[in-house]
C-alpha atoms as a PDB file:
ATOM      1  CA  UNK A   1     106.083  88.022 124.593  1.00  0.00           C
ATOM      2  CA  UNK A   2     102.858  90.061 124.880  1.00  0.00           C
ATOM      3  CA  UNK A   3     102.408  92.548 127.673  1.00  0.00           C
ATOM      4  CA  UNK A   4      99.445  94.600 128.816  1.00  0.00           C
ATOM      5  CA  UNK A   5      99.869  98.359 128.582  1.00  0.00           C
ATOM      6  CA  UNK A   6      97.748 101.258 129.763  1.00  0.00           C
ATOM      7  CA  UNK A   7      98.487 104.553 128.065  1.00  0.00           C
ATOM      8  CA  UNK A   8      97.330 107.955 129.221  1.00  0.00           C
ATOM      9  CA  UNK A   9      95.642 109.923 126.473  1.00  0.00           C
ATOM     10  CA  UNK A  10      98.247 112.683 126.666  1.00  0.00           C
ATOM     11  CA  UNK A  11     101.101 110.214 126.246  1.00  0.00           C
ATOM     12  CA  UNK A  12      99.372 108.623 123.260  1.00  0.00           C
ATOM     13  CA  UNK A  13      98.979 111.989 121.537  1.00  0.00           C
ATOM     14  CA  UNK A  14     102.576 112.980 122.321  1.00  0.00           C
ATOM     15  CA  UNK A  15     103.975 109.735 120.915  1.00  0.00           C
ATOM     16  CA  UNK A  16     101.931 110.112 117.761  1.00  0.00           C
ATOM     17  CA  UNK A  17     103.241 113.649 117.296  1.00  0.00           C
ATOM     18  CA  UNK A  18     106.872 112.529 117.592  1.00  0.00           C
ATOM     19  CA  UNK A  19     106.443 109.669 115.111  1.00  0.00           C
ATOM     20  CA  UNK A  20     104.482 111.811 112.655  1.00  0.00           C
ATOM     21  CA  UNK A  21     107.202 114.480 112.758  1.00  0.00           C
ATOM     22  CA  UNK A  22     109.940 111.947 112.036  1.00  0.00           C
ATOM     23  CA  UNK A  23     107.902 110.375 109.243  1.00  0.00           C
ATOM     24  CA  UNK A  24     107.442 113.701 107.433  1.00  0.00           C
ATOM     25  CA  UNK A  25     111.133 114.471 106.844  1.00  0.00           C
ATOM     26  CA  UNK A  26     112.333 114.307 103.236  1.00  0.00           C
ATOM     27  CA  UNK A  27     115.069 111.723 102.713  1.00  0.00           C
ATOM     28  CA  UNK A  28     117.070 110.613  99.684  1.00  0.00           C
ATOM     29  CA  UNK A  29     115.641 107.382  98.261  1.00  0.00           C
ATOM     30  CA  UNK A  30     117.950 107.218  95.215  1.00  0.00           C
ATOM     31  CA  UNK A  31     120.796 109.375  93.918  1.00  0.00           C
ATOM     32  CA  UNK A  32     123.257 109.035  91.048  1.00  0.00           C
ATOM     33  CA  UNK A  33     125.991 111.636  90.457  1.00  0.00           C
ATOM     34  CA  UNK A  34     127.927 109.651  87.808  1.00  0.00           C
ATOM     35  CA  UNK A  35     131.083 109.700  89.895  1.00  0.00           C
ATOM     36  CA  UNK A  36     134.475 110.328  88.293  1.00  0.00           C
ATOM     37  CA  UNK A  37     134.878 108.958  84.751  1.00  0.00           C
ATOM     38  CA  UNK A  38     138.224 107.490  83.773  1.00  0.00           C
ATOM     39  CA  UNK A  39     138.354 109.758  80.712  1.00  0.00           C
ATOM     40  CA  UNK A  40     137.094 113.228  79.859  1.00  0.00           C
ATOM     41  CA  UNK A  41     134.810 112.061  77.043  1.00  0.00           C
ATOM     42  CA  UNK A  42     133.140 108.964  75.689  1.00  0.00           C
ATOM     43  CA  UNK A  43     133.430 106.586  78.641  1.00  0.00           C
ATOM     44  CA  UNK A  44     131.062 103.739  77.704  1.00  0.00           C
ATOM     45  CA  UNK A  45     128.414 102.879  80.261  1.00  0.00           C
ATOM     46  CA  UNK A  46     129.682  99.308  80.405  1.00  0.00           C
ATOM     47  CA  UNK A  47     133.147 100.628  81.349  1.00  0.00           C
ATOM     48  CA  UNK A  48     131.945 103.109  83.968  1.00  0.00           C
ATOM     49  CA  UNK A  49     132.586 102.291  87.621  1.00  0.00           C
ATOM     50  CA  UNK A  50     129.278 102.922  89.394  1.00  0.00           C
ATOM     51  CA  UNK A  51     130.011 103.902  92.973  1.00  0.00           C
ATOM     52  CA  UNK A  52     126.629 104.785  94.451  1.00  0.00           C
ATOM     53  CA  UNK A  53     124.375 102.145  92.882  1.00  0.00           C
ATOM     54  CA  UNK A  54     124.810  98.690  91.295  1.00  0.00           C
ATOM     55  CA  UNK A  55     125.290  98.576  87.518  1.00  0.00           C
ATOM     56  CA  UNK A  56     122.245  96.282  87.295  1.00  0.00           C
ATOM     57  CA  UNK A  57     120.021  99.323  87.968  1.00  0.00           C
ATOM     58  CA  UNK A  58     120.982 100.962  84.652  1.00  0.00           C
ATOM     59  CA  UNK A  59     120.145 100.235  81.027  1.00  0.00           C
ATOM     60  CA  UNK A  60     120.509 102.165  77.782  1.00  0.00           C
ATOM     61  CA  UNK A  61     119.288 101.935  74.204  1.00  0.00           C
ATOM     62  CA  UNK A  62     120.270 103.662  70.940  1.00  0.00           C
ATOM     63  CA  UNK A  63     117.152 104.589  68.985  1.00  0.00           C
ATOM     64  CA  UNK A  64     118.810 106.102  65.896  1.00  0.00           C
ATOM     65  CA  UNK A  65     121.937 104.999  64.053  1.00  0.00           C
ATOM     66  CA  UNK A  66     124.889 107.156  65.050  1.00  0.00           C
ATOM     67  CA  UNK A  67     123.446 107.967  68.473  1.00  0.00           C
ATOM     68  CA  UNK A  68     125.285 107.420  71.747  1.00  0.00           C
ATOM     69  CA  UNK A  69     124.930 107.737  75.515  1.00  0.00           C
ATOM     70  CA  UNK A  70     128.019 107.763  77.736  1.00  0.00           C
ATOM     71  CA  UNK A  71     129.619 109.325  80.826  1.00  0.00           C
ATOM     72  CA  UNK A  72     131.837 112.413  80.590  1.00  0.00           C
ATOM     73  CA  UNK A  73     133.687 114.756  82.929  1.00  0.00           C
ATOM     74  CA  UNK A  74     134.014 117.902  80.791  1.00  0.00           C
ATOM     75  CA  UNK A  75     131.419 120.675  81.197  1.00  0.00           C
ATOM     76  CA  UNK A  76     130.775 119.660  84.842  1.00  0.00           C
ATOM     77  CA  UNK A  77     127.514 120.666  86.505  1.00  0.00           C
ATOM     78  CA  UNK A  78     127.746 124.045  88.259  1.00  0.00           C
ATOM     79  CA  UNK A  79     124.326 124.868  89.788  1.00  0.00           C
ATOM     80  CA  UNK A  80     123.956 125.214  93.564  1.00  0.00           C
ATOM     81  CA  UNK A  81     124.603 121.862  95.203  1.00  0.00           C
ATOM     82  CA  UNK A  82     125.924 120.268  91.991  1.00  0.00           C
ATOM     83  CA  UNK A  83     128.277 117.295  92.269  1.00  0.00           C
ATOM     84  CA  UNK A  84     130.365 118.482  89.305  1.00  0.00           C
ATOM     85  CA  UNK A  85     132.735 116.087  87.541  1.00  0.00           C
ATOM     86  CA  UNK A  86     130.940 113.129  85.916  1.00  0.00           C
ATOM     87  CA  UNK A  87     127.676 113.524  83.989  1.00  0.00           C
ATOM     88  CA  UNK A  88     125.599 111.576  81.487  1.00  0.00           C
ATOM     89  CA  UNK A  89     125.846 112.654  77.835  1.00  0.00           C
ATOM     90  CA  UNK A  90     123.254 111.963  75.091  1.00  0.00           C
ATOM     91  CA  UNK A  91     123.865 112.368  71.360  1.00  0.00           C
ATOM     92  CA  UNK A  92     121.118 111.750  68.830  1.00  0.00           C
ATOM     93  CA  UNK A  93     118.145 109.636  69.917  1.00  0.00           C
ATOM     94  CA  UNK A  94     118.986 107.445  72.889  1.00  0.00           C
ATOM     95  CA  UNK A  95     117.534 106.400  76.222  1.00  0.00           C
ATOM     96  CA  UNK A  96     118.874 105.764  79.705  1.00  0.00           C
ATOM     97  CA  UNK A  97     116.824 103.866  82.275  1.00  0.00           C
ATOM     98  CA  UNK A  98     117.104 103.555  86.041  1.00  0.00           C
ATOM     99  CA  UNK A  99     115.450 100.339  87.153  1.00  0.00           C
ATOM    100  CA  UNK A 100     113.905  99.097  90.387  1.00  0.00           C
ATOM    101  CA  UNK A 101     113.766 102.142  92.659  1.00  0.00           C
ATOM    102  CA  UNK A 102     111.660 101.165  95.682  1.00  0.00           C
ATOM    103  CA  UNK A 103     109.268 103.957  96.677  1.00  0.00           C
ATOM    104  CA  UNK A 104     106.524 101.849  98.304  1.00  0.00           C
ATOM    105  CA  UNK A 105     107.260 103.069 101.836  1.00  0.00           C
ATOM    106  CA  UNK A 106     107.460 106.764 100.904  1.00  0.00           C
ATOM    107  CA  UNK A 107     105.098 109.656 100.368  1.00  0.00           C
ATOM    108  CA  UNK A 108     105.544 113.159  98.880  1.00  0.00           C
ATOM    109  CA  UNK A 109     107.979 111.695  96.341  1.00  0.00           C
ATOM    110  CA  UNK A 110     109.953 114.042  94.089  1.00  0.00           C
ATOM    111  CA  UNK A 111     112.458 113.757  91.251  1.00  0.00           C
ATOM    112  CA  UNK A 112     115.253 116.283  90.718  1.00  0.00           C
ATOM    113  CA  UNK A 113     118.206 116.437  88.312  1.00  0.00           C
ATOM    114  CA  UNK A 114     120.558 118.772  86.492  1.00  0.00           C
ATOM    115  CA  UNK A 115     120.112 119.313  82.728  1.00  0.00           C
ATOM    116  CA  UNK A 116     122.345 120.913  80.062  1.00  0.00           C
ATOM    117  CA  UNK A 117     122.159 121.572  76.300  1.00  0.00           C
ATOM    118  CA  UNK A 118     125.221 121.703  74.083  1.00  0.00           C
ATOM    119  CA  UNK A 119     123.486 124.065  71.658  1.00  0.00           C
ATOM    120  CA  UNK A 120     120.648 126.564  72.121  1.00  0.00           C
ATOM    121  CA  UNK A 121     117.344 124.722  72.733  1.00  0.00           C
ATOM    122  CA  UNK A 122     118.977 121.259  72.707  1.00  0.00           C
ATOM    123  CA  UNK A 123     117.881 120.616  76.276  1.00  0.00           C
ATOM    124  CA  UNK A 124     114.209 120.899  75.257  1.00  0.00           C
ATOM    125  CA  UNK A 125     114.533 117.751  73.158  1.00  0.00           C
ATOM    126  CA  UNK A 126     114.244 115.222  75.959  1.00  0.00           C
ATOM    127  CA  UNK A 127     111.523 113.562  78.011  1.00  0.00           C
ATOM    128  CA  UNK A 128     111.397 111.419  81.137  1.00  0.00           C
ATOM    129  CA  UNK A 129     108.932 108.548  81.569  1.00  0.00           C
ATOM    130  CA  UNK A 130     108.103 106.239  84.468  1.00  0.00           C
ATOM    131  CA  UNK A 131     106.793 102.692  84.837  1.00  0.00           C
ATOM    132  CA  UNK A 132     105.365 101.134  88.014  1.00  0.00           C
ATOM    133  CA  UNK A 133     105.947  97.496  88.957  1.00  0.00           C
ATOM    134  CA  UNK A 134     106.681  96.319  85.423  1.00  0.00           C
ATOM    135  CA  UNK A 135     103.756  98.199  83.852  1.00  0.00           C
ATOM    136  CA  UNK A 136     103.655 100.336  80.727  1.00  0.00           C
ATOM    137  CA  UNK A 137     105.649 103.552  80.484  1.00  0.00           C
ATOM    138  CA  UNK A 138     103.866 106.860  81.019  1.00  0.00           C
ATOM    139  CA  UNK A 139     105.126 110.388  80.432  1.00  0.00           C
ATOM    140  CA  UNK A 140     106.402 112.073  83.579  1.00  0.00           C
ATOM    141  CA  UNK A 141     107.735 115.306  82.055  1.00  0.00           C
ATOM    142  CA  UNK A 142     108.566 116.734  78.641  1.00  0.00           C
ATOM    143  CA  UNK A 143     111.672 118.892  79.026  1.00  0.00           C
ATOM    144  CA  UNK A 144     110.138 121.508  76.708  1.00  0.00           C
ATOM    145  CA  UNK A 145     107.570 122.196  79.445  1.00  0.00           C
ATOM    146  CA  UNK A 146     110.138 122.578  82.246  1.00  0.00           C
ATOM    147  CA  UNK A 147     111.671 125.829  83.452  1.00  0.00           C
ATOM    148  CA  UNK A 148     115.088 125.238  81.885  1.00  0.00           C
ATOM    149  CA  UNK A 149     117.886 127.540  80.783  1.00  0.00           C
ATOM    150  CA  UNK A 150     117.837 126.700  77.083  1.00  0.00           C
ATOM    151  CA  UNK A 151     121.023 128.622  76.257  1.00  0.00           C
ATOM    152  CA  UNK A 152     124.235 127.112  74.929  1.00  0.00           C
ATOM    153  CA  UNK A 153     126.081 125.022  77.545  1.00  0.00           C
ATOM    154  CA  UNK A 154     123.979 126.192  80.493  1.00  0.00           C
ATOM    155  CA  UNK A 155     123.147 123.912  83.437  1.00  0.00           C
ATOM    156  CA  UNK A 156     119.758 124.066  85.189  1.00  0.00           C
ATOM    157  CA  UNK A 157     118.640 122.184  88.273  1.00  0.00           C
ATOM    158  CA  UNK A 158     115.105 120.801  87.934  1.00  0.00           C
ATOM    159  CA  UNK A 159     113.232 120.016  91.159  1.00  0.00           C
ATOM    160  CA  UNK A 160     109.855 118.909  92.495  1.00  0.00           C
ATOM    161  CA  UNK A 161     108.656 116.578  89.747  1.00  0.00           C
ATOM    162  CA  UNK A 162     106.125 114.404  91.586  1.00  0.00           C
ATOM    163  CA  UNK A 163     106.605 110.626  91.496  1.00  0.00           C
ATOM    164  CA  UNK A 164     104.247 107.747  92.385  1.00  0.00           C
ATOM    165  CA  UNK A 165     104.680 105.046  95.001  1.00  0.00           C
ATOM    166  CA  UNK A 166     105.721 101.639  93.666  1.00  0.00           C
ATOM    167  CA  UNK A 167     107.468  98.498  94.815  1.00  0.00           C
ATOM    168  CA  UNK A 168     109.660  98.885  91.722  1.00  0.00           C
ATOM    169  CA  UNK A 169     109.768 102.222  89.901  1.00  0.00           C
ATOM    170  CA  UNK A 170     111.622 102.637  86.592  1.00  0.00           C
ATOM    171  CA  UNK A 171     112.642 106.024  85.140  1.00  0.00           C
ATOM    172  CA  UNK A 172     113.628 106.443  81.483  1.00  0.00           C
ATOM    173  CA  UNK A 173     115.237 109.578  80.029  1.00  0.00           C
ATOM    174  CA  UNK A 174     115.082 109.778  76.216  1.00  0.00           C
ATOM    175  CA  UNK A 175     116.761 112.311  73.917  1.00  0.00           C
ATOM    176  CA  UNK A 176     115.305 113.299  70.543  1.00  0.00           C
ATOM    177  CA  UNK A 177     118.195 115.007  68.730  1.00  0.00           C
ATOM    178  CA  UNK A 178     117.352 113.784  65.245  1.00  0.00           C
ATOM    179  CA  UNK A 179     119.827 116.073  63.405  1.00  0.00           C
ATOM    180  CA  UNK A 180     123.098 114.238  64.034  1.00  0.00           C
ATOM    181  CA  UNK A 181     124.983 116.591  61.696  1.00  0.00           C
ATOM    182  CA  UNK A 182     124.199 119.536  64.006  1.00  0.00           C
ATOM    183  CA  UNK A 183     126.525 118.080  66.680  1.00  0.00           C
ATOM    184  CA  UNK A 184     124.075 118.735  69.500  1.00  0.00           C
ATOM    185  CA  UNK A 185     123.974 117.045  72.876  1.00  0.00           C
ATOM    186  CA  UNK A 186     122.172 116.854  76.223  1.00  0.00           C
ATOM    187  CA  UNK A 187     123.688 116.145  79.647  1.00  0.00           C
ATOM    188  CA  UNK A 188     122.146 115.024  82.929  1.00  0.00           C
ATOM    189  CA  UNK A 189     123.601 114.964  86.427  1.00  0.00           C
ATOM    190  CA  UNK A 190     122.578 114.385  90.043  1.00  0.00           C
ATOM    191  CA  UNK A 191     119.447 112.348  89.312  1.00  0.00           C
ATOM    192  CA  UNK A 192     117.780 112.186  92.732  1.00  0.00           C
ATOM    193  CA  UNK A 193     114.560 110.782  94.198  1.00  0.00           C
ATOM    194  CA  UNK A 194     113.457 112.008  97.618  1.00  0.00           C
ATOM    195  CA  UNK A 195     110.459 111.194  99.783  1.00  0.00           C
ATOM    196  CA  UNK A 196     109.038 111.105 103.289  1.00  0.00           C
ATOM    197  CA  UNK A 197     108.800 107.838 105.151  1.00  0.00           C
ATOM    198  CA  UNK A 198     105.268 106.569 105.525  1.00  0.00           C
ATOM    199  CA  UNK A 199     104.601 106.778 109.258  1.00  0.00           C
ATOM    200  CA  UNK A 200     103.958 103.598 111.187  1.00  0.00           C
ATOM    201  CA  UNK A 201     101.775 105.390 113.720  1.00  0.00           C
ATOM    202  CA  UNK A 202      98.093 105.624 112.861  1.00  0.00           C
ATOM    203  CA  UNK A 203      95.977 108.284 114.527  1.00  0.00           C
ATOM    204  CA  UNK A 204      92.463 107.554 115.701  1.00  0.00           C
ATOM    205  CA  UNK A 205      89.973 107.349 112.865  1.00  0.00           C
ATOM    206  CA  UNK A 206      86.992 109.649 112.556  1.00  0.00           C
ATOM    207  CA  UNK A 207      84.561 107.624 114.678  1.00  0.00           C
ATOM    208  CA  UNK A 208      87.034 107.601 117.606  1.00  0.00           C
ATOM    209  CA  UNK A 209      86.685 103.861 118.196  1.00  0.00           C
ATOM    210  CA  UNK A 210      89.942 102.689 116.628  1.00  0.00           C
ATOM    211  CA  UNK A 211      93.601 103.641 116.711  1.00  0.00           C
ATOM    212  CA  UNK A 212      97.040 102.080 116.862  1.00  0.00           C
ATOM    213  CA  UNK A 213     100.391 103.117 118.274  1.00  0.00           C
ATOM    214  CA  UNK A 214     103.635 101.866 116.696  1.00  0.00           C
ATOM    215  CA  UNK A 215     106.885 102.230 118.635  1.00  0.00           C
ATOM    216  CA  UNK A 216     109.923 100.166 119.661  1.00  0.00           C
ATOM    217  CA  UNK A 217     109.092  97.289 117.305  1.00  0.00           C
ATOM    218  CA  UNK A 218     105.591  96.817 118.658  1.00  0.00           C
ATOM    219  CA  UNK A 219     102.033  97.641 117.694  1.00  0.00           C
ATOM    220  CA  UNK A 220      99.411  98.558 120.259  1.00  0.00           C
ATOM    221  CA  UNK A 221      95.777  98.437 119.124  1.00  0.00           C
ATOM    222  CA  UNK A 222      93.807 101.084 121.019  1.00  0.00           C
ATOM    223  CA  UNK A 223      90.299  99.962 120.085  1.00  0.00           C
ATOM    224  CA  UNK A 224      87.685  99.577 122.772  1.00  0.00           C
ATOM    225  CA  UNK A 225      86.286  96.289 121.492  1.00  0.00           C
ATOM    226  CA  UNK A 226      86.920  93.609 118.913  1.00  0.00           C
ATOM    227  CA  UNK A 227      90.389  93.178 117.457  1.00  0.00           C
ATOM    228  CA  UNK A 228      92.581  94.424 114.614  1.00  0.00           C
ATOM    229  CA  UNK A 229      93.931  92.119 111.902  1.00  0.00           C
ATOM    230  CA  UNK A 230      97.332  92.597 110.272  1.00  0.00           C
ATOM    231  CA  UNK A 231      97.771  91.495 106.634  1.00  0.00           C
ATOM    232  CA  UNK A 232     100.670  91.519 104.172  1.00  0.00           C
ATOM    233  CA  UNK A 233     100.312  93.874 101.192  1.00  0.00           C
ATOM    234  CA  UNK A 234      99.158  90.911  99.061  1.00  0.00           C
ATOM    235  CA  UNK A 235      96.406  89.933 101.508  1.00  0.00           C
ATOM    236  CA  UNK A 236      97.934  87.156 103.663  1.00  0.00           C
ATOM    237  CA  UNK A 237      96.859  87.257 107.309  1.00  0.00           C
ATOM    238  CA  UNK A 238      99.788  87.793 109.689  1.00  0.00           C
ATOM    239  CA  UNK A 239      98.262  88.246 113.142  1.00  0.00           C
ATOM    240  CA  UNK A 240      95.295  89.432 115.209  1.00  0.00           C
ATOM    241  CA  UNK A 241      95.823  92.275 117.666  1.00  0.00           C
ATOM    242  CA  UNK A 242      93.751  92.345 120.849  1.00  0.00           C
ATOM    243  CA  UNK A 243      92.826  95.714 122.389  1.00  0.00           C
ATOM    244  CA  UNK A 244      95.613  97.196 124.558  1.00  0.00           C
ATOM    245  CA  UNK A 245      97.880  94.155 124.159  1.00  0.00           C
ATOM    246  CA  UNK A 246     101.180  94.938 122.444  1.00  0.00           C
ATOM    247  CA  UNK A 247     102.237  92.848 119.455  1.00  0.00           C
ATOM    248  CA  UNK A 248     105.953  92.302 118.727  1.00  0.00           C
ATOM    249  CA  UNK A 249     106.857  93.350 115.144  1.00  0.00           C
ATOM    250  CA  UNK A 250     110.644  92.875 115.337  1.00  0.00           C
ATOM    251  CA  UNK A 251     110.540  90.029 112.797  1.00  0.00           C
ATOM    252  CA  UNK A 252     108.297  91.891 110.335  1.00  0.00           C
ATOM    253  CA  UNK A 253     109.620  94.183 107.594  1.00  0.00           C
ATOM    254  CA  UNK A 254     107.851  95.884 104.712  1.00  0.00           C
ATOM    255  CA  UNK A 255     104.411  97.252 103.880  1.00  0.00           C
ATOM    256  CA  UNK A 256     101.361  95.839 105.704  1.00  0.00           C
ATOM    257  CA  UNK A 257      97.625  96.523 105.934  1.00  0.00           C
ATOM    258  CA  UNK A 258      95.981  96.819 109.349  1.00  0.00           C
ATOM    259  CA  UNK A 259      92.201  96.322 109.348  1.00  0.00           C
ATOM    260  CA  UNK A 260      90.338  97.771 112.348  1.00  0.00           C
ATOM    261  CA  UNK A 261      86.596  97.246 112.174  1.00  0.00           C
ATOM    262  CA  UNK A 262      85.476  98.846 108.923  1.00  0.00           C
ATOM    263  CA  UNK A 263      88.686 100.897 108.698  1.00  0.00           C
ATOM    264  CA  UNK A 264      91.929  99.879 106.953  1.00  0.00           C
ATOM    265  CA  UNK A 265      95.324 101.577 107.136  1.00  0.00           C
ATOM    266  CA  UNK A 266      98.669 100.959 105.413  1.00  0.00           C
ATOM    267  CA  UNK A 267     101.716 100.797 107.692  1.00  0.00           C
ATOM    268  CA  UNK A 268     105.424 100.256 107.107  1.00  0.00           C
ATOM    269  CA  UNK A 269     107.428  98.143 109.539  1.00  0.00           C
ATOM    270  CA  UNK A 270     111.237  98.251 109.574  1.00  0.00           C
END
């Protein structure tokens, strides 16, 4: 049901401030701590019991004969905030991918993780790549360029690697330990993606003629004339919003585009 509303300017500004504040908080989008392996060493990925995320989100590949990637519990992570216990172990040249992380409704996205080298400088021999929505991989960070403790069996927590928005974001960690006889290795732990929710409130645009308030599963177009049009992210028209007439969004979920005159804004409805 649509209802007419009249909002005082001060109330409008106050509501926008509250929503903007809530939208800016960093929240965990994805986290994997590798749980508690059933054995101290060499637990195969296919045998690991994934507790935090479905096994379908993970894939691995061996890129050099004699290489391996598995879950272990020895040498647990020990930096501040570390989960300890289980961690991911790479030997030789191998990759581990995390598939389908949804970051479309987030901003200020960051990747963090713990990293460890079995021998001096081992931890430098890794990179992490990303792919957006099924696209080609691109380099996100070469570990040699990160501020890591490169000593023997030393954990470092890496933070604040910026990530892009995507409906489906893939991350791939790849080791490059080509000397298998050197018995080197790299470990990862606490792979975490954080981000701020994209606010559903839209402040007035620069010409002062348009604005929208989102609260309590409704949108209120604050324009003085004309109407706003709500579209899905792929361009399908959902509804037209008349000035100062609330529109019920309870049945809508996801990312949408709201066009107001010659202005367009992305909003997220939950």
